[in-house]
Amino acid sequence: MLLRLRGNSLRLKGADLVLVNSRADGDELTIRAVSLEDVPAIVAIDAEVTGSTKADFWYGCYARQNTDAKCTFLVAHRDGEVAGYTIGAIQAWEFGSPPCGWVEVISVAPQHRNTHVATQLFEAVVRYFRDNGISTVRTMLHIDDHQLISFFRMQGMAAGPFIELEMQAD
């Protein structure tokens, strides 16, 4: 099975629907559900990007994907390696909000940045939300992360109707 979407194609590969983006230079990006074999590379990319190793967290995300129908954990592969990943979750009625999709994580390996991997991952997770009847997409990020704020704004996101508040409970 092959479907074309704005320069991309969706292929049925085993039980997975796989997004394949072929660029003019022959470079191919494949986005699909994370497999257990992908998790060590995701742990390594996260450690490189954040400076902190959180293997238990990432294996927990993998387990959640396999037990929570309202969650997706997608991985992008280029040149036989993990290029990036994203997690999306459908949440309902938090803070009085109707069901919406949350982009919980999006990250790209440094050597694959500025090659549209993040944009393709974002489009894939938004497609997941849309396919599940969700029309509103949200995310939350640090106020000082100007690069990520710019990325999400370039995807069409803007400030929403909620304000996050916090305090130290010590």
N, C-alpha and C. Protein backbone atom coordinates (compact mmCIF):
# COMPACT_ATOMS: atom_id res chain seq x y z
N MET A 1 0.85 -1.18 0.00
CA MET A 1 0.00 0.00 0.00
C MET A 1 0.89 1.23 0.00
N LEU A 2 0.58 2.21 -0.85
CA LEU A 2 1.36 3.45 -0.94
C LEU A 2 0.40 4.60 -1.16
N LEU A 3 0.45 5.60 -0.28
CA LEU A 3 -0.37 6.81 -0.41
C LEU A 3 0.57 8.00 -0.50
N ARG A 4 0.32 8.94 -1.39
CA ARG A 4 1.14 10.14 -1.53
C ARG A 4 0.49 11.31 -0.79
N LEU A 5 1.28 12.02 0.00
CA LEU A 5 0.81 13.20 0.73
C LEU A 5 1.87 14.29 0.64
N ARG A 6 1.62 15.35 -0.07
CA ARG A 6 2.52 16.50 -0.17
C ARG A 6 4.00 16.10 -0.23
N GLY A 7 4.37 15.29 -1.20
CA GLY A 7 5.77 14.90 -1.36
C GLY A 7 6.17 13.74 -0.48
N ASN A 8 5.28 13.27 0.36
CA ASN A 8 5.56 12.14 1.23
C ASN A 8 4.74 10.96 0.76
N SER A 9 5.06 9.80 1.24
CA SER A 9 4.22 8.64 0.98
C SER A 9 4.05 7.86 2.26
N LEU A 10 2.91 7.22 2.39
CA LEU A 10 2.65 6.34 3.52
C LEU A 10 2.67 4.92 2.98
N ARG A 11 3.46 4.06 3.58
CA ARG A 11 3.56 2.67 3.16
C ARG A 11 3.17 1.77 4.32
N LEU A 12 2.43 0.73 4.01
CA LEU A 12 2.12 -0.27 5.01
C LEU A 12 3.29 -1.23 5.05
N LYS A 13 3.98 -1.28 6.19
CA LYS A 13 5.16 -2.11 6.34
C LYS A 13 4.91 -3.01 7.54
N GLY A 14 4.59 -4.27 7.31
CA GLY A 14 4.18 -5.13 8.41
C GLY A 14 2.88 -4.60 8.96
N ALA A 15 2.81 -4.42 10.27
CA ALA A 15 1.62 -3.89 10.90
C ALA A 15 1.65 -2.37 11.02
N ASP A 16 2.79 -1.75 10.64
CA ASP A 16 2.96 -0.31 10.83
C ASP A 16 2.68 0.45 9.55
N LEU A 17 2.07 1.62 9.71
CA LEU A 17 1.96 2.58 8.62
C LEU A 17 3.17 3.48 8.74
N VAL A 18 3.99 3.54 7.71
CA VAL A 18 5.27 4.23 7.77
C VAL A 18 5.24 5.44 6.84
N LEU A 19 5.64 6.61 7.35
CA LEU A 19 5.76 7.81 6.55
C LEU A 19 7.15 7.83 5.93
N VAL A 20 7.22 7.96 4.62
CA VAL A 20 8.50 8.02 3.93
C VAL A 20 8.57 9.34 3.18
N ASN A 21 9.61 10.11 3.43
CA ASN A 21 9.83 11.39 2.76
C ASN A 21 11.09 11.24 1.93
N SER A 22 10.95 11.27 0.63
CA SER A 22 12.10 11.21 -0.26
C SER A 22 12.42 12.60 -0.76
N ARG A 23 13.64 13.04 -0.54
CA ARG A 23 14.06 14.36 -1.00
C ARG A 23 14.67 14.26 -2.38
N ALA A 24 14.80 15.37 -3.04
CA ALA A 24 15.35 15.42 -4.39
C ALA A 24 16.77 14.85 -4.44
N ASP A 25 17.53 14.98 -3.33
CA ASP A 25 18.91 14.48 -3.33
C ASP A 25 18.97 12.98 -3.05
N GLY A 26 17.81 12.32 -3.02
CA GLY A 26 17.78 10.87 -2.83
C GLY A 26 17.78 10.45 -1.37
N ASP A 27 17.94 11.42 -0.46
CA ASP A 27 17.93 11.13 0.97
C ASP A 27 16.52 10.78 1.39
N GLU A 28 16.37 9.73 2.17
CA GLU A 28 15.04 9.28 2.58
C GLU A 28 14.91 9.31 4.09
N LEU A 29 13.81 9.87 4.56
CA LEU A 29 13.50 9.91 5.98
C LEU A 29 12.29 9.03 6.19
N THR A 30 12.39 8.08 7.11
CA THR A 30 11.29 7.19 7.42
C THR A 30 10.83 7.46 8.84
N ILE A 31 9.52 7.67 9.02
CA ILE A 31 8.95 7.90 10.35
C ILE A 31 7.97 6.77 10.63
N ARG A 32 8.14 6.13 11.78
CA ARG A 32 7.28 5.02 12.17
C ARG A 32 7.23 4.95 13.69
N ALA A 33 6.40 4.05 14.20
CA ALA A 33 6.33 3.84 15.65
C ALA A 33 7.69 3.34 16.16
N VAL A 34 8.06 3.80 17.34
CA VAL A 34 9.32 3.38 17.95
C VAL A 34 9.30 1.88 18.22
N SER A 35 10.42 1.23 17.99
CA SER A 35 10.58 -0.17 18.36
C SER A 35 11.55 -0.23 19.55
N LEU A 36 11.57 -1.35 20.20
CA LEU A 36 12.47 -1.52 21.35
C LEU A 36 13.93 -1.29 20.93
N GLU A 37 14.28 -1.66 19.72
CA GLU A 37 15.65 -1.50 19.22
C GLU A 37 16.02 -0.02 19.05
N ASP A 38 15.03 0.87 18.92
CA ASP A 38 15.30 2.30 18.77
C ASP A 38 15.63 2.99 20.09
N VAL A 39 15.19 2.42 21.19
CA VAL A 39 15.28 3.13 22.47
C VAL A 39 16.71 3.47 22.88
N PRO A 40 17.71 2.57 22.75
CA PRO A 40 19.07 2.98 23.13
C PRO A 40 19.58 4.20 22.36
N ALA A 41 19.25 4.30 21.08
CA ALA A 41 19.67 5.48 20.31
C ALA A 41 18.95 6.73 20.80
N ILE A 42 17.68 6.60 21.18
CA ILE A 42 16.92 7.73 21.71
C ILE A 42 17.52 8.18 23.04
N VAL A 43 17.89 7.23 23.89
CA VAL A 43 18.55 7.54 25.16
C VAL A 43 19.84 8.32 24.89
N ALA A 44 20.62 7.86 23.91
CA ALA A 44 21.90 8.51 23.60
C ALA A 44 21.69 9.92 23.05
N ILE A 45 20.72 10.10 22.14
CA ILE A 45 20.45 11.43 21.59
C ILE A 45 20.01 12.37 22.71
N ASP A 46 19.09 11.91 23.56
CA ASP A 46 18.62 12.75 24.66
C ASP A 46 19.77 13.13 25.59
N ALA A 47 20.64 12.19 25.90
CA ALA A 47 21.78 12.48 26.78
C ALA A 47 22.71 13.51 26.13
N GLU A 48 22.93 13.38 24.82
CA GLU A 48 23.78 14.34 24.11
C GLU A 48 23.16 15.73 24.11
N VAL A 49 21.85 15.80 23.91
CA VAL A 49 21.16 17.09 23.80
C VAL A 49 20.96 17.74 25.17
N THR A 50 20.59 16.95 26.18
CA THR A 50 20.25 17.52 27.49
C THR A 50 21.36 17.42 28.52
N GLY A 51 22.34 16.54 28.28
CA GLY A 51 23.41 16.35 29.25
C GLY A 51 23.02 15.44 30.39
N SER A 52 21.89 14.76 30.28
CA SER A 52 21.39 13.89 31.34
C SER A 52 20.89 12.57 30.74
N THR A 53 21.31 11.45 31.31
CA THR A 53 20.87 10.14 30.83
C THR A 53 19.63 9.72 31.60
N LYS A 54 18.55 9.42 30.87
CA LYS A 54 17.27 9.07 31.48
C LYS A 54 16.71 7.80 30.85
N ALA A 55 17.47 6.73 30.87
CA ALA A 55 17.06 5.48 30.21
C ALA A 55 15.72 4.99 30.72
N ASP A 56 15.49 5.00 32.03
CA ASP A 56 14.22 4.51 32.58
C ASP A 56 13.04 5.29 32.03
N PHE A 57 13.20 6.59 31.89
CA PHE A 57 12.14 7.42 31.34
C PHE A 57 11.79 6.97 29.93
N TRP A 58 12.81 6.80 29.06
CA TRP A 58 12.57 6.46 27.66
C TRP A 58 12.01 5.05 27.50
N TYR A 59 12.46 4.10 28.30
CA TYR A 59 11.87 2.76 28.24
C TYR A 59 10.43 2.81 28.74
N GLY A 60 10.14 3.68 29.70
CA GLY A 60 8.77 3.87 30.16
C GLY A 60 7.89 4.45 29.06
N CYS A 61 8.43 5.38 28.29
CA CYS A 61 7.67 5.95 27.16
C CYS A 61 7.38 4.88 26.12
N TYR A 62 8.35 4.01 25.87
CA TYR A 62 8.15 2.91 24.93
C TYR A 62 7.03 1.99 25.44
N ALA A 63 7.05 1.66 26.72
CA ALA A 63 6.01 0.79 27.30
C ALA A 63 4.65 1.47 27.22
N ARG A 64 4.61 2.77 27.48
CA ARG A 64 3.34 3.52 27.43
C ARG A 64 2.74 3.47 26.04
N GLN A 65 3.59 3.61 25.01
CA GLN A 65 3.10 3.56 23.64
C GLN A 65 2.38 2.24 23.37
N ASN A 66 2.84 1.18 23.98
CA ASN A 66 2.26 -0.14 23.72
C ASN A 66 1.06 -0.46 24.61
N THR A 67 0.75 0.42 25.57
CA THR A 67 -0.37 0.14 26.47
C THR A 67 -1.41 1.26 26.48
N ASP A 68 -1.09 2.42 25.93
CA ASP A 68 -2.00 3.57 25.95
C ASP A 68 -2.37 3.95 24.53
N ALA A 69 -3.59 3.65 24.14
CA ALA A 69 -4.05 3.92 22.77
C ALA A 69 -4.10 5.42 22.45
N LYS A 70 -4.01 6.26 23.46
CA LYS A 70 -4.06 7.71 23.23
C LYS A 70 -2.67 8.34 23.20
N CYS A 71 -1.66 7.52 22.99
CA CYS A 71 -0.28 7.99 22.97
C CYS A 71 0.44 7.42 21.75
N THR A 72 1.28 8.23 21.13
CA THR A 72 2.12 7.74 20.05
C THR A 72 3.56 8.18 20.31
N PHE A 73 4.49 7.31 19.99
CA PHE A 73 5.91 7.55 20.14
C PHE A 73 6.51 7.22 18.78
N LEU A 74 6.90 8.24 18.05
CA LEU A 74 7.38 8.08 16.68
C LEU A 74 8.87 8.33 16.59
N VAL A 75 9.51 7.64 15.67
CA VAL A 75 10.95 7.79 15.45
C VAL A 75 11.19 8.05 13.97
N ALA A 76 12.16 8.92 13.69
CA ALA A 76 12.57 9.19 12.32
C ALA A 76 13.93 8.53 12.09
N HIS A 77 14.04 7.82 10.98
CA HIS A 77 15.30 7.18 10.60
C HIS A 77 15.81 7.79 9.30
N ARG A 78 17.09 8.06 9.27
CA ARG A 78 17.76 8.52 8.04
C ARG A 78 19.12 7.83 8.00
N ASP A 79 19.48 7.34 6.85
CA ASP A 79 20.78 6.68 6.65
C ASP A 79 21.01 5.57 7.67
N GLY A 80 19.95 4.84 8.01
CA GLY A 80 20.08 3.70 8.89
C GLY A 80 20.23 4.02 10.37
N GLU A 81 20.05 5.28 10.74
CA GLU A 81 20.17 5.62 12.16
C GLU A 81 19.00 6.48 12.61
N VAL A 82 18.80 6.52 13.93
CA VAL A 82 17.74 7.35 14.49
C VAL A 82 18.14 8.81 14.33
N ALA A 83 17.28 9.57 13.65
CA ALA A 83 17.55 10.99 13.42
C ALA A 83 16.78 11.87 14.39
N GLY A 84 15.65 11.37 14.92
CA GLY A 84 14.84 12.16 15.84
C GLY A 84 13.64 11.37 16.29
N TYR A 85 12.86 11.97 17.18
CA TYR A 85 11.70 11.28 17.75
C TYR A 85 10.73 12.31 18.30
N THR A 86 9.50 11.87 18.47
CA THR A 86 8.47 12.72 19.07
C THR A 86 7.48 11.85 19.83
N ILE A 87 6.86 12.44 20.83
CA ILE A 87 5.79 11.78 21.58
C ILE A 87 4.58 12.70 21.55
N GLY A 88 3.43 12.12 21.21
CA GLY A 88 2.18 12.85 21.22
C GLY A 88 1.17 12.11 22.08
N ALA A 89 0.32 12.84 22.78
CA ALA A 89 -0.69 12.21 23.63
C ALA A 89 -1.99 13.00 23.54
N ILE A 90 -3.08 12.27 23.53
CA ILE A 90 -4.40 12.88 23.53
C ILE A 90 -4.87 12.96 24.97
N GLN A 91 -5.18 14.17 25.40
CA GLN A 91 -5.64 14.42 26.77
C GLN A 91 -7.02 15.05 26.71
N ALA A 92 -7.87 14.70 27.66
CA ALA A 92 -9.23 15.25 27.66
C ALA A 92 -9.58 15.86 29.00
N TRP A 93 -10.16 17.02 28.93
CA TRP A 93 -10.80 17.72 30.05
C TRP A 93 -9.84 18.14 31.15
N GLU A 94 -8.54 18.21 30.85
CA GLU A 94 -7.63 18.79 31.83
C GLU A 94 -7.86 20.30 31.87
N PHE A 95 -8.07 20.84 33.03
CA PHE A 95 -8.30 22.26 33.22
C PHE A 95 -9.52 22.75 32.43
N GLY A 96 -10.48 21.87 32.22
CA GLY A 96 -11.71 22.23 31.51
C GLY A 96 -11.58 22.25 30.00
N SER A 97 -10.46 21.81 29.48
CA SER A 97 -10.23 21.84 28.04
C SER A 97 -10.83 20.61 27.36
N PRO A 98 -11.54 20.79 26.25
CA PRO A 98 -12.00 19.62 25.49
C PRO A 98 -10.80 18.81 25.01
N PRO A 99 -11.02 17.60 24.54
CA PRO A 99 -9.89 16.77 24.09
C PRO A 99 -8.99 17.51 23.11
N CYS A 100 -7.68 17.36 23.33
CA CYS A 100 -6.70 17.98 22.46
C CYS A 100 -5.46 17.10 22.41
N GLY A 101 -4.60 17.37 21.45
CA GLY A 101 -3.34 16.63 21.32
C GLY A 101 -2.20 17.43 21.91
N TRP A 102 -1.37 16.76 22.66
CA TRP A 102 -0.19 17.40 23.26
C TRP A 102 1.07 16.84 22.61
N VAL A 103 1.91 17.71 22.09
CA VAL A 103 3.24 17.31 21.65
C VAL A 103 4.09 17.36 22.91
N GLU A 104 4.37 16.20 23.47
CA GLU A 104 5.09 16.14 24.75
C GLU A 104 6.60 16.25 24.56
N VAL A 105 7.11 15.70 23.48
CA VAL A 105 8.55 15.69 23.22
C VAL A 105 8.76 15.77 21.72
N ILE A 106 9.75 16.52 21.31
CA ILE A 106 10.24 16.45 19.93
C ILE A 106 11.73 16.78 20.00
N SER A 107 12.54 15.90 19.43
CA SER A 107 13.99 16.10 19.49
C SER A 107 14.64 15.51 18.25
N VAL A 108 15.72 16.15 17.82
CA VAL A 108 16.46 15.71 16.64
C VAL A 108 17.94 15.62 17.01
N ALA A 109 18.59 14.55 16.58
CA ALA A 109 20.03 14.40 16.81
C ALA A 109 20.76 15.58 16.18
N PRO A 110 21.76 16.12 16.86
CA PRO A 110 22.46 17.31 16.34
C PRO A 110 22.93 17.18 14.89
N GLN A 111 23.42 16.02 14.49
CA GLN A 111 23.93 15.86 13.13
C GLN A 111 22.81 15.83 12.07
N HIS A 112 21.55 15.74 12.51
CA HIS A 112 20.42 15.73 11.58
C HIS A 112 19.58 17.00 11.65
N ARG A 113 20.05 17.99 12.38
CA ARG A 113 19.30 19.25 12.48
C ARG A 113 19.42 20.05 11.19
N ASN A 114 18.47 20.93 11.00
CA ASN A 114 18.40 21.78 9.81
C ASN A 114 18.22 20.97 8.53
N THR A 115 17.60 19.80 8.66
CA THR A 115 17.28 18.97 7.48
C THR A 115 15.79 18.61 7.47
N HIS A 116 14.99 19.36 8.18
CA HIS A 116 13.53 19.22 8.21
C HIS A 116 13.03 17.97 8.94
N VAL A 117 13.88 17.34 9.72
CA VAL A 117 13.45 16.16 10.48
C VAL A 117 12.38 16.56 11.48
N ALA A 118 12.60 17.63 12.23
CA ALA A 118 11.63 18.05 13.25
C ALA A 118 10.29 18.41 12.61
N THR A 119 10.33 19.09 11.48
CA THR A 119 9.09 19.45 10.80
C THR A 119 8.33 18.21 10.37
N GLN A 120 9.03 17.22 9.83
CA GLN A 120 8.37 15.98 9.41
C GLN A 120 7.81 15.22 10.61
N LEU A 121 8.54 15.20 11.72
CA LEU A 121 8.03 14.57 12.94
C LEU A 121 6.79 15.29 13.45
N PHE A 122 6.83 16.62 13.45
CA PHE A 122 5.69 17.41 13.90
C PHE A 122 4.48 17.12 13.02
N GLU A 123 4.67 17.12 11.71
CA GLU A 123 3.57 16.83 10.80
C GLU A 123 3.01 15.42 11.02
N ALA A 124 3.87 14.47 11.33
CA ALA A 124 3.42 13.10 11.57
C ALA A 124 2.59 13.00 12.85
N VAL A 125 3.01 13.69 13.91
CA VAL A 125 2.25 13.62 15.16
C VAL A 125 0.93 14.38 15.02
N VAL A 126 0.93 15.48 14.27
CA VAL A 126 -0.32 16.20 14.02
C VAL A 126 -1.26 15.31 13.20
N ARG A 127 -0.74 14.58 12.24
CA ARG A 127 -1.55 13.65 11.45
C ARG A 127 -2.17 12.58 12.38
N TYR A 128 -1.38 12.09 13.34
CA TYR A 128 -1.90 11.13 14.32
C TYR A 128 -3.09 11.74 15.07
N PHE A 129 -2.95 12.98 15.52
CA PHE A 129 -4.05 13.64 16.24
C PHE A 129 -5.27 13.77 15.33
N ARG A 130 -5.05 14.29 14.13
CA ARG A 130 -6.14 14.48 13.18
C ARG A 130 -6.86 13.15 12.89
N ASP A 131 -6.10 12.08 12.70
CA ASP A 131 -6.68 10.76 12.43
C ASP A 131 -7.50 10.24 13.60
N ASN A 132 -7.27 10.81 14.78
CA ASN A 132 -8.00 10.41 15.98
C ASN A 132 -9.04 11.45 16.39
N GLY A 133 -9.43 12.31 15.44
CA GLY A 133 -10.51 13.27 15.68
C GLY A 133 -10.13 14.49 16.48
N ILE A 134 -8.84 14.75 16.62
CA ILE A 134 -8.37 15.90 17.41
C ILE A 134 -8.01 17.05 16.49
N SER A 135 -8.53 18.24 16.78
CA SER A 135 -8.24 19.40 15.94
C SER A 135 -7.39 20.46 16.63
N THR A 136 -7.21 20.37 17.93
CA THR A 136 -6.39 21.33 18.66
C THR A 136 -5.13 20.64 19.15
N VAL A 137 -3.98 21.28 18.88
CA VAL A 137 -2.68 20.73 19.27
C VAL A 137 -2.01 21.73 20.20
N ARG A 138 -1.46 21.22 21.30
CA ARG A 138 -0.78 22.07 22.28
C ARG A 138 0.59 21.50 22.61
N THR A 139 1.42 22.33 23.17
CA THR A 139 2.69 21.90 23.74
C THR A 139 3.05 22.88 24.85
N MET A 140 4.05 22.54 25.63
CA MET A 140 4.54 23.44 26.66
C MET A 140 6.06 23.39 26.61
N LEU A 141 6.70 24.54 26.71
CA LEU A 141 8.15 24.58 26.67
C LEU A 141 8.66 25.70 27.56
N HIS A 142 9.96 25.66 27.80
CA HIS A 142 10.57 26.66 28.68
C HIS A 142 10.54 28.03 27.99
N ILE A 143 10.22 29.04 28.78
CA ILE A 143 10.07 30.40 28.25
C ILE A 143 11.37 30.92 27.62
N ASP A 144 12.52 30.40 28.04
CA ASP A 144 13.80 30.85 27.50
C ASP A 144 14.29 30.04 26.30
N ASP A 145 13.53 29.03 25.89
CA ASP A 145 13.94 28.19 24.77
C ASP A 145 13.48 28.82 23.45
N HIS A 146 14.15 29.88 23.06
CA HIS A 146 13.74 30.66 21.89
C HIS A 146 13.80 29.86 20.59
N GLN A 147 14.75 28.95 20.49
CA GLN A 147 14.86 28.13 19.28
C GLN A 147 13.63 27.24 19.13
N LEU A 148 13.21 26.61 20.20
CA LEU A 148 12.04 25.73 20.14
C LEU A 148 10.75 26.54 19.97
N ILE A 149 10.67 27.68 20.62
CA ILE A 149 9.51 28.57 20.43
C ILE A 149 9.40 28.94 18.96
N SER A 150 10.52 29.32 18.34
CA SER A 150 10.53 29.69 16.92
C SER A 150 10.09 28.52 16.06
N PHE A 151 10.59 27.31 16.38
CA PHE A 151 10.21 26.13 15.61
C PHE A 151 8.70 25.94 15.63
N PHE A 152 8.10 25.94 16.82
CA PHE A 152 6.66 25.71 16.92
C PHE A 152 5.86 26.84 16.26
N ARG A 153 6.33 28.06 16.35
CA ARG A 153 5.65 29.16 15.67
C ARG A 153 5.71 28.98 14.16
N MET A 154 6.84 28.48 13.65
CA MET A 154 6.95 28.23 12.21
C MET A 154 6.00 27.11 11.76
N GLN A 155 5.60 26.27 12.69
CA GLN A 155 4.64 25.20 12.37
C GLN A 155 3.20 25.70 12.44
N GLY A 156 3.01 26.96 12.87
CA GLY A 156 1.68 27.54 12.94
C GLY A 156 1.11 27.64 14.34
N MET A 157 1.90 27.29 15.34
CA MET A 157 1.41 27.37 16.72
C MET A 157 1.57 28.80 17.25
N ALA A 158 0.69 29.15 18.19
CA ALA A 158 0.73 30.47 18.83
C ALA A 158 0.31 30.29 20.30
N ALA A 159 0.45 31.34 21.07
CA ALA A 159 0.05 31.28 22.48
C ALA A 159 -1.41 30.85 22.57
N GLY A 160 -1.70 29.97 23.53
CA GLY A 160 -3.06 29.47 23.72
C GLY A 160 -3.74 30.18 24.88
N PRO A 161 -4.90 29.68 25.30
CA PRO A 161 -5.71 30.35 26.30
C PRO A 161 -5.32 30.04 27.75
N PHE A 162 -4.27 29.24 27.97
CA PHE A 162 -3.90 28.85 29.33
C PHE A 162 -2.56 29.44 29.72
N ILE A 163 -2.37 29.65 31.00
CA ILE A 163 -1.09 30.10 31.56
C ILE A 163 -0.67 29.06 32.58
N GLU A 164 0.57 28.59 32.48
CA GLU A 164 1.11 27.64 33.43
C GLU A 164 1.63 28.40 34.64
N LEU A 165 1.26 27.94 35.85
CA LEU A 165 1.74 28.52 37.10
C LEU A 165 2.42 27.40 37.89
N GLU A 166 3.41 27.77 38.70
CA GLU A 166 4.07 26.74 39.53
C GLU A 166 4.64 27.37 40.78
N MET A 167 4.98 26.51 41.72
CA MET A 167 5.63 26.93 42.95
C MET A 167 6.46 25.77 43.50
N GLN A 168 7.34 26.04 44.40
CA GLN A 168 8.11 25.01 45.08
C GLN A 168 7.32 24.54 46.28
N ALA A 169 7.16 23.24 46.43
CA ALA A 169 6.34 22.69 47.52
C ALA A 169 7.21 22.22 48.68
N ASP A 170 8.25 22.94 49.00
CA ASP A 170 9.11 22.52 50.11
C ASP A 170 8.85 23.25 51.38
